[in-house]
């Protein structure tokens, strides 16, 4: 990234910063943890990208359904 003139700004855990980065970091980490509960997504068996995308969409739908079911 440095070669291209891009200065990376990575938010460190537990360190206060004023840049506004990392405010919703836990949302992303939590979502990845939920997706990794599905073995076929955690270990990518599919060679074709469209099959992997289909399983990813199915997993997201299942996660949304579970969240809706517990909220009512």
N, C-alpha and C. Protein backbone atom coordinates (compact mmCIF):
# COMPACT_ATOMS: atom_id res chain seq x y z
N UNK A 1 0.82 -1.18 0.00
CA UNK A 1 0.00 0.00 0.00
C UNK A 1 0.87 1.25 0.00
N UNK A 2 2.00 1.17 0.69
CA UNK A 2 2.88 2.33 0.75
C UNK A 2 3.42 2.67 -0.63
N UNK A 3 3.69 1.64 -1.46
CA UNK A 3 4.22 1.87 -2.80
C UNK A 3 3.25 2.67 -3.66
N UNK A 4 1.97 2.49 -3.42
CA UNK A 4 0.94 3.19 -4.19
C UNK A 4 0.58 4.54 -3.59
N UNK A 5 1.24 4.89 -2.51
CA UNK A 5 0.97 6.19 -1.89
C UNK A 5 -0.24 6.20 -0.98
N UNK A 6 -0.65 5.02 -0.52
CA UNK A 6 -1.82 4.91 0.35
C UNK A 6 -1.33 4.70 1.78
N UNK A 7 -1.75 5.56 2.66
CA UNK A 7 -1.37 5.42 4.07
C UNK A 7 -2.48 4.65 4.78
N UNK A 8 -2.20 3.44 5.25
CA UNK A 8 -3.24 2.65 5.91
C UNK A 8 -3.58 3.21 7.29
N UNK A 9 -4.87 3.24 7.59
CA UNK A 9 -5.35 3.69 8.89
C UNK A 9 -6.15 2.55 9.51
N UNK A 10 -5.48 1.75 10.32
CA UNK A 10 -6.14 0.62 10.96
C UNK A 10 -6.40 0.96 12.42
N UNK A 11 -7.63 0.77 12.85
CA UNK A 11 -7.97 1.03 14.25
C UNK A 11 -7.51 -0.14 15.10
N UNK A 12 -6.80 0.14 16.13
CA UNK A 12 -6.36 -0.89 17.07
C UNK A 12 -7.45 -1.10 18.11
N UNK A 13 -7.53 -2.30 18.62
CA UNK A 13 -8.54 -2.62 19.62
C UNK A 13 -8.21 -1.93 20.94
N UNK A 14 -9.20 -1.31 21.52
CA UNK A 14 -9.06 -0.72 22.84
C UNK A 14 -8.29 0.59 22.89
N UNK A 15 -7.86 1.10 21.75
CA UNK A 15 -7.10 2.34 21.73
C UNK A 15 -8.03 3.45 21.24
N UNK A 16 -8.21 4.51 22.04
CA UNK A 16 -9.07 5.60 21.57
C UNK A 16 -8.42 6.34 20.41
N UNK A 17 -9.23 6.77 19.48
CA UNK A 17 -8.72 7.47 18.31
C UNK A 17 -9.76 8.50 17.89
N UNK A 18 -9.32 9.49 17.20
CA UNK A 18 -10.23 10.56 16.80
C UNK A 18 -10.61 10.52 15.34
N UNK A 19 -10.17 9.49 14.62
CA UNK A 19 -10.42 9.46 13.18
C UNK A 19 -11.81 8.98 12.83
N UNK A 20 -12.52 8.35 13.77
CA UNK A 20 -13.84 7.82 13.48
C UNK A 20 -13.81 6.40 12.96
N UNK A 21 -12.62 5.84 12.78
CA UNK A 21 -12.52 4.46 12.32
C UNK A 21 -12.84 3.50 13.46
N UNK A 22 -13.40 2.37 13.12
CA UNK A 22 -13.60 1.33 14.11
C UNK A 22 -14.83 1.47 14.98
N UNK A 23 -15.68 2.43 14.70
CA UNK A 23 -16.86 2.61 15.55
C UNK A 23 -17.81 1.43 15.44
N UNK A 24 -17.88 0.83 14.28
CA UNK A 24 -18.78 -0.30 14.08
C UNK A 24 -17.99 -1.58 13.82
N UNK A 25 -16.78 -1.65 14.32
CA UNK A 25 -15.94 -2.82 14.08
C UNK A 25 -16.57 -4.09 14.65
N UNK A 26 -17.19 -3.99 15.82
CA UNK A 26 -17.75 -5.17 16.45
C UNK A 26 -18.90 -5.76 15.63
N UNK A 27 -19.61 -4.93 14.88
CA UNK A 27 -20.70 -5.43 14.03
C UNK A 27 -20.14 -6.36 12.96
N UNK A 28 -19.05 -5.96 12.35
CA UNK A 28 -18.43 -6.76 11.30
C UNK A 28 -17.86 -8.04 11.89
N UNK A 29 -17.16 -7.94 13.01
CA UNK A 29 -16.57 -9.12 13.63
C UNK A 29 -17.64 -10.10 14.07
N UNK A 30 -18.75 -9.59 14.61
CA UNK A 30 -19.84 -10.46 15.04
C UNK A 30 -20.46 -11.18 13.84
N UNK A 31 -20.65 -10.45 12.74
CA UNK A 31 -21.24 -11.04 11.54
C UNK A 31 -20.33 -12.12 10.97
N UNK A 32 -19.03 -11.87 10.93
CA UNK A 32 -18.10 -12.90 10.47
C UNK A 32 -18.15 -14.12 11.37
N UNK A 33 -18.28 -13.92 12.67
CA UNK A 33 -18.37 -15.05 13.60
C UNK A 33 -19.63 -15.87 13.32
N UNK A 34 -20.74 -15.19 13.04
CA UNK A 34 -21.97 -15.91 12.71
C UNK A 34 -21.81 -16.69 11.42
N UNK A 35 -21.16 -16.09 10.42
CA UNK A 35 -20.99 -16.78 9.14
C UNK A 35 -20.06 -17.97 9.27
N UNK A 36 -19.09 -17.90 10.18
CA UNK A 36 -18.15 -19.00 10.35
C UNK A 36 -18.76 -20.19 11.08
N UNK A 37 -20.00 -20.05 11.54
CA UNK A 37 -20.69 -21.20 12.12
C UNK A 37 -21.10 -22.19 11.03
N UNK A 38 -21.16 -21.72 9.79
CA UNK A 38 -21.51 -22.58 8.66
C UNK A 38 -20.22 -23.16 8.09
N UNK A 39 -20.07 -24.48 8.20
CA UNK A 39 -18.80 -25.13 7.84
C UNK A 39 -18.44 -24.93 6.38
N UNK A 40 -19.42 -24.93 5.51
CA UNK A 40 -19.12 -24.81 4.09
C UNK A 40 -18.64 -23.41 3.72
N UNK A 41 -18.88 -22.44 4.58
CA UNK A 41 -18.34 -21.10 4.36
C UNK A 41 -17.00 -20.94 5.06
N UNK A 42 -16.85 -21.59 6.21
CA UNK A 42 -15.59 -21.50 6.95
C UNK A 42 -14.46 -22.16 6.17
N UNK A 43 -14.75 -23.34 5.61
CA UNK A 43 -13.80 -24.04 4.75
C UNK A 43 -14.41 -24.03 3.36
N UNK A 44 -13.86 -23.29 2.45
CA UNK A 44 -14.47 -23.11 1.13
C UNK A 44 -14.20 -24.34 0.27
N UNK A 45 -15.23 -25.18 0.14
CA UNK A 45 -15.13 -26.38 -0.68
C UNK A 45 -15.44 -26.08 -2.14
N UNK A 46 -16.29 -25.09 -2.39
CA UNK A 46 -16.73 -24.79 -3.74
C UNK A 46 -15.64 -24.09 -4.53
N UNK A 47 -15.42 -24.56 -5.73
CA UNK A 47 -14.44 -23.94 -6.61
C UNK A 47 -15.09 -22.76 -7.34
N UNK A 48 -16.33 -22.96 -7.74
CA UNK A 48 -17.03 -21.92 -8.49
C UNK A 48 -17.51 -20.82 -7.55
N UNK A 49 -17.28 -19.59 -7.96
CA UNK A 49 -17.63 -18.43 -7.13
C UNK A 49 -19.14 -18.27 -6.99
N UNK A 50 -19.91 -18.64 -8.02
CA UNK A 50 -21.36 -18.47 -7.94
C UNK A 50 -21.98 -19.41 -6.90
N UNK A 51 -21.42 -20.62 -6.76
CA UNK A 51 -21.92 -21.53 -5.73
C UNK A 51 -21.59 -21.01 -4.34
N UNK A 52 -20.39 -20.49 -4.18
CA UNK A 52 -20.00 -19.93 -2.88
C UNK A 52 -20.87 -18.73 -2.53
N UNK A 53 -21.15 -17.88 -3.51
CA UNK A 53 -22.01 -16.72 -3.29
C UNK A 53 -23.42 -17.15 -2.91
N UNK A 54 -23.92 -18.20 -3.56
CA UNK A 54 -25.24 -18.72 -3.22
C UNK A 54 -25.32 -19.22 -1.79
N UNK A 55 -24.29 -19.95 -1.35
CA UNK A 55 -24.25 -20.43 0.03
C UNK A 55 -24.11 -19.27 1.01
N UNK A 56 -23.36 -18.26 0.63
CA UNK A 56 -23.21 -17.08 1.48
C UNK A 56 -24.55 -16.36 1.64
N UNK A 57 -25.30 -16.23 0.56
CA UNK A 57 -26.61 -15.59 0.62
C UNK A 57 -27.59 -16.42 1.45
N UNK A 58 -27.52 -17.74 1.31
CA UNK A 58 -28.37 -18.62 2.10
C UNK A 58 -28.04 -18.48 3.59
N UNK A 59 -26.76 -18.44 3.92
CA UNK A 59 -26.35 -18.29 5.32
C UNK A 59 -26.82 -16.95 5.88
N UNK A 60 -26.70 -15.89 5.10
CA UNK A 60 -27.18 -14.57 5.55
C UNK A 60 -28.68 -14.58 5.77
N UNK A 61 -29.41 -15.28 4.92
CA UNK A 61 -30.87 -15.39 5.08
C UNK A 61 -31.22 -16.15 6.36
N UNK A 62 -30.49 -17.23 6.63
CA UNK A 62 -30.73 -18.01 7.85
C UNK A 62 -30.43 -17.17 9.09
N UNK A 63 -29.34 -16.40 9.05
CA UNK A 63 -28.98 -15.54 10.18
C UNK A 63 -30.07 -14.50 10.41
N UNK A 64 -30.56 -13.89 9.34
CA UNK A 64 -31.64 -12.89 9.47
C UNK A 64 -32.91 -13.54 10.03
N UNK A 65 -33.24 -14.73 9.56
CA UNK A 65 -34.42 -15.43 10.05
C UNK A 65 -34.30 -15.72 11.54
N UNK A 66 -33.13 -16.19 11.96
CA UNK A 66 -32.92 -16.47 13.38
C UNK A 66 -33.05 -15.21 14.23
N UNK A 67 -32.51 -14.10 13.73
CA UNK A 67 -32.58 -12.83 14.48
C UNK A 67 -34.03 -12.35 14.57
N UNK A 68 -34.79 -12.50 13.49
CA UNK A 68 -36.19 -12.08 13.50
C UNK A 68 -37.02 -12.97 14.42
N UNK A 69 -36.71 -14.26 14.42
CA UNK A 69 -37.47 -15.19 15.24
C UNK A 69 -37.29 -14.90 16.74
N UNK A 70 -36.08 -14.50 17.13
CA UNK A 70 -35.83 -14.24 18.55
C UNK A 70 -36.32 -12.87 18.99
N UNK A 71 -36.55 -11.97 18.04
CA UNK A 71 -36.97 -10.62 18.43
C UNK A 71 -38.48 -10.49 18.62
N UNK A 72 -39.26 -11.49 18.20
CA UNK A 72 -40.72 -11.40 18.36
C UNK A 72 -41.21 -12.30 19.44
